[in-house]
Amino acid sequence: QVQLVESGGGLVQPGGTMRLSCTASRSIFSFNAMGWYRQAPGDQLELVALIHRIGSSTYADSVTGRFTISRDNANNTVHLQMTNLKPEDTAVYYCNANDLSGRGYWGKGTLITVSS
């Protein structure tokens, strides 16, 4: 069973920065992609950013230019660096990984609140 452990999150002011991290219990190269989804109150789950096995990245339009996803291969960790945070970024952020068979795994989620 794969475990994804998230760290980071909390309260941040508009325009601020925050970094989320997600550490997997096995090599990140065993996954097709790892990344982050988020769900705001009353909204559907949406993709934020993914980093693919080959190293390419995918971003939601709403975060392009503000968020950067990266990975630390040695520590099986994916980071999401968030800048210029907006109130509409307030949500529970979930780490996700999809293995080579297509099975998906999820972290427990971490809340980010962007508010003054």
C-alpha atoms as a PDB file:
ATOM      1  CA  GLN A   1       0.000   0.000   0.000  1.00  0.00           C
ATOM      2  CA  VAL A   2       1.395   3.336  -1.049  1.00  0.00           C
ATOM      3  CA  GLN A   3       1.356   6.168   1.447  1.00  0.00           C
ATOM      4  CA  LEU A   4       1.534   9.829   0.506  1.00  0.00           C
ATOM      5  CA  VAL A   5       2.420  12.160   3.350  1.00  0.00           C
ATOM      6  CA  GLU A   6       1.748  15.849   2.848  1.00  0.00           C
ATOM      7  CA  SER A   7       3.330  18.754   4.681  1.00  0.00           C
ATOM      8  CA  GLY A   8       2.783  22.464   4.530  1.00  0.00           C
ATOM      9  CA  GLY A   9      -0.442  24.386   4.470  1.00  0.00           C
ATOM     10  CA  GLY A  10      -2.085  26.812   6.821  1.00  0.00           C
ATOM     11  CA  LEU A  11      -3.024  30.458   6.740  1.00  0.00           C
ATOM     12  CA  VAL A  12      -1.335  32.877   4.356  1.00  0.00           C
ATOM     13  CA  GLN A  13      -2.081  36.443   3.349  1.00  0.00           C
ATOM     14  CA  PRO A  14      -3.046  37.376  -0.202  1.00  0.00           C
ATOM     15  CA  GLY A  15       0.083  37.819  -2.286  1.00  0.00           C
ATOM     16  CA  GLY A  16       2.008  35.496  -0.010  1.00  0.00           C
ATOM     17  CA  THR A  17       3.902  32.317  -0.729  1.00  0.00           C
ATOM     18  CA  MET A  18       3.707  28.779   0.550  1.00  0.00           C
ATOM     19  CA  ARG A  19       5.252  25.426  -0.253  1.00  0.00           C
ATOM     20  CA  LEU A  20       3.559  22.067  -0.077  1.00  0.00           C
ATOM     21  CA  SER A  21       5.460  18.804  -0.036  1.00  0.00           C
ATOM     22  CA  CYS A  22       4.342  15.247  -0.623  1.00  0.00           C
ATOM     23  CA  THR A  23       6.546  12.283   0.211  1.00  0.00           C
ATOM     24  CA  ALA A  24       5.755   8.862  -1.197  1.00  0.00           C
ATOM     25  CA  SER A  25       6.506   5.583   0.540  1.00  0.00           C
ATOM     26  CA  ARG A  26       8.201   4.250  -2.579  1.00  0.00           C
ATOM     27  CA  SER A  27      10.184   5.549  -5.535  1.00  0.00           C
ATOM     28  CA  ILE A  28       8.466   8.341  -7.408  1.00  0.00           C
ATOM     29  CA  PHE A  29       9.645   6.708 -10.614  1.00  0.00           C
ATOM     30  CA  SER A  30       7.122   3.929  -9.966  1.00  0.00           C
ATOM     31  CA  PHE A  31       4.409   6.470 -10.747  1.00  0.00           C
ATOM     32  CA  ASN A  32       3.288   7.856 -14.091  1.00  0.00           C
ATOM     33  CA  ALA A  33       2.660  11.177 -12.426  1.00  0.00           C
ATOM     34  CA  MET A  34       2.480  12.835  -9.042  1.00  0.00           C
ATOM     35  CA  GLY A  35       0.951  16.099  -8.137  1.00  0.00           C
ATOM     36  CA  TRP A  36      -1.756  18.074  -6.477  1.00  0.00           C
ATOM     37  CA  TYR A  37      -5.484  18.505  -6.694  1.00  0.00           C
ATOM     38  CA  ARG A  38      -7.595  20.853  -4.637  1.00  0.00           C
ATOM     39  CA  GLN A  39     -11.172  21.204  -3.512  1.00  0.00           C
ATOM     40  CA  ALA A  40     -12.682  24.443  -2.335  1.00  0.00           C
ATOM     41  CA  PRO A  41     -15.837  24.431  -0.209  1.00  0.00           C
ATOM     42  CA  GLY A  42     -18.813  23.614  -2.391  1.00  0.00           C
ATOM     43  CA  ASP A  43     -16.652  23.015  -5.451  1.00  0.00           C
ATOM     44  CA  GLN A  44     -15.499  19.956  -7.315  1.00  0.00           C
ATOM     45  CA  LEU A  45     -12.044  18.507  -7.051  1.00  0.00           C
ATOM     46  CA  GLU A  46      -9.751  20.144  -9.591  1.00  0.00           C
ATOM     47  CA  LEU A  47      -6.273  19.540 -10.890  1.00  0.00           C
ATOM     48  CA  VAL A  48      -3.643  22.004  -9.719  1.00  0.00           C
ATOM     49  CA  ALA A  49      -0.369  20.620 -11.053  1.00  0.00           C
ATOM     50  CA  LEU A  50       1.220  17.332 -12.033  1.00  0.00           C
ATOM     51  CA  ILE A  51       4.776  16.306 -12.711  1.00  0.00           C
ATOM     52  CA  HIS A  52       5.091  13.378 -15.048  1.00  0.00           C
ATOM     53  CA  ARG A  53       7.523  10.501 -14.893  1.00  0.00           C
ATOM     54  CA  ILE A  54       9.525  11.939 -17.784  1.00  0.00           C
ATOM     55  CA  GLY A  55       9.798  15.257 -15.982  1.00  0.00           C
ATOM     56  CA  SER A  56       7.264  17.361 -17.834  1.00  0.00           C
ATOM     57  CA  SER A  57       4.647  19.304 -15.911  1.00  0.00           C
ATOM     58  CA  THR A  58       0.975  20.157 -16.285  1.00  0.00           C
ATOM     59  CA  TYR A  59      -0.717  23.113 -14.616  1.00  0.00           C
ATOM     60  CA  ALA A  60      -4.239  24.388 -14.271  1.00  0.00           C
ATOM     61  CA  ASP A  61      -4.719  27.658 -16.137  1.00  0.00           C
ATOM     62  CA  SER A  62      -5.614  29.374 -12.883  1.00  0.00           C
ATOM     63  CA  VAL A  63      -2.200  28.702 -11.349  1.00  0.00           C
ATOM     64  CA  THR A  64       0.091  28.908 -14.370  1.00  0.00           C
ATOM     65  CA  GLY A  65       2.819  31.424 -13.734  1.00  0.00           C
ATOM     66  CA  ARG A  66       2.230  31.399  -9.983  1.00  0.00           C
ATOM     67  CA  PHE A  67       2.745  27.778  -8.938  1.00  0.00           C
ATOM     68  CA  THR A  68       5.736  25.570  -9.680  1.00  0.00           C
ATOM     69  CA  ILE A  69       5.873  21.831  -9.200  1.00  0.00           C
ATOM     70  CA  SER A  70       9.200  20.069  -8.740  1.00  0.00           C
ATOM     71  CA  ARG A  71      10.519  16.818  -7.423  1.00  0.00           C
ATOM     72  CA  ASP A  72      13.285  15.547  -5.186  1.00  0.00           C
ATOM     73  CA  ASN A  73      14.041  12.130  -6.604  1.00  0.00           C
ATOM     74  CA  ALA A  74      16.331  11.028  -3.809  1.00  0.00           C
ATOM     75  CA  ASN A  75      13.664  11.649  -1.176  1.00  0.00           C
ATOM     76  CA  ASN A  76      10.636  10.542  -3.216  1.00  0.00           C
ATOM     77  CA  THR A  77       9.131  13.960  -2.678  1.00  0.00           C
ATOM     78  CA  VAL A  78       7.206  16.367  -4.851  1.00  0.00           C
ATOM     79  CA  HIS A  79       7.008  20.041  -3.971  1.00  0.00           C
ATOM     80  CA  LEU A  80       4.491  22.671  -4.966  1.00  0.00           C
ATOM     81  CA  GLN A  81       5.819  26.198  -4.630  1.00  0.00           C
ATOM     82  CA  MET A  82       2.957  28.675  -4.606  1.00  0.00           C
ATOM     83  CA  THR A  83       3.429  32.399  -5.047  1.00  0.00           C
ATOM     84  CA  ASN A  84       1.113  35.380  -5.326  1.00  0.00           C
ATOM     85  CA  LEU A  85      -1.579  33.443  -3.542  1.00  0.00           C
ATOM     86  CA  LYS A  86      -5.148  34.638  -3.966  1.00  0.00           C
ATOM     87  CA  PRO A  87      -8.244  34.118  -1.825  1.00  0.00           C
ATOM     88  CA  GLU A  88      -9.602  31.863  -4.557  1.00  0.00           C
ATOM     89  CA  ASP A  89      -6.691  29.498  -3.926  1.00  0.00           C
ATOM     90  CA  THR A  90      -8.263  28.650  -0.567  1.00  0.00           C
ATOM     91  CA  ALA A  91      -8.966  24.921  -0.598  1.00  0.00           C
ATOM     92  CA  VAL A  92      -7.952  21.548   0.723  1.00  0.00           C
ATOM     93  CA  TYR A  93      -4.978  20.397  -1.325  1.00  0.00           C
ATOM     94  CA  TYR A  94      -4.542  16.683  -1.940  1.00  0.00           C
ATOM     95  CA  CYS A  95      -1.420  14.906  -3.096  1.00  0.00           C
ATOM     96  CA  ASN A  96      -2.060  12.344  -5.821  1.00  0.00           C
ATOM     97  CA  ALA A  97       0.019   9.667  -7.484  1.00  0.00           C
ATOM     98  CA  ASN A  98      -0.865   7.276 -10.296  1.00  0.00           C
ATOM     99  CA  ASP A  99       1.211   4.154 -10.674  1.00  0.00           C
ATOM    100  CA  LEU A 100       2.167   2.409 -13.884  1.00  0.00           C
ATOM    101  CA  SER A 101      -0.949   0.205 -13.745  1.00  0.00           C
ATOM    102  CA  GLY A 102      -3.175   3.269 -13.500  1.00  0.00           C
ATOM    103  CA  ARG A 103      -4.026   2.885  -9.848  1.00  0.00           C
ATOM    104  CA  GLY A 104      -4.390   6.163  -8.003  1.00  0.00           C
ATOM    105  CA  TYR A 105      -3.336   7.053  -4.490  1.00  0.00           C
ATOM    106  CA  TRP A 106      -4.250  10.045  -2.372  1.00  0.00           C
ATOM    107  CA  GLY A 107      -2.901  11.894   0.606  1.00  0.00           C
ATOM    108  CA  LYS A 108      -5.144  12.976   3.450  1.00  0.00           C
ATOM    109  CA  GLY A 109      -5.221  16.591   2.328  1.00  0.00           C
ATOM    110  CA  THR A 110      -3.966  19.833   3.788  1.00  0.00           C
ATOM    111  CA  LEU A 111      -5.919  23.063   4.114  1.00  0.00           C
ATOM    112  CA  ILE A 112      -4.636  26.321   2.700  1.00  0.00           C
ATOM    113  CA  THR A 113      -6.492  29.468   3.628  1.00  0.00           C
ATOM    114  CA  VAL A 114      -5.617  32.684   1.830  1.00  0.00           C
ATOM    115  CA  SER A 115      -6.985  35.561   3.827  1.00  0.00           C
ATOM    116  CA  SER A 116      -5.969  38.831   5.393  1.00  0.00           C
END
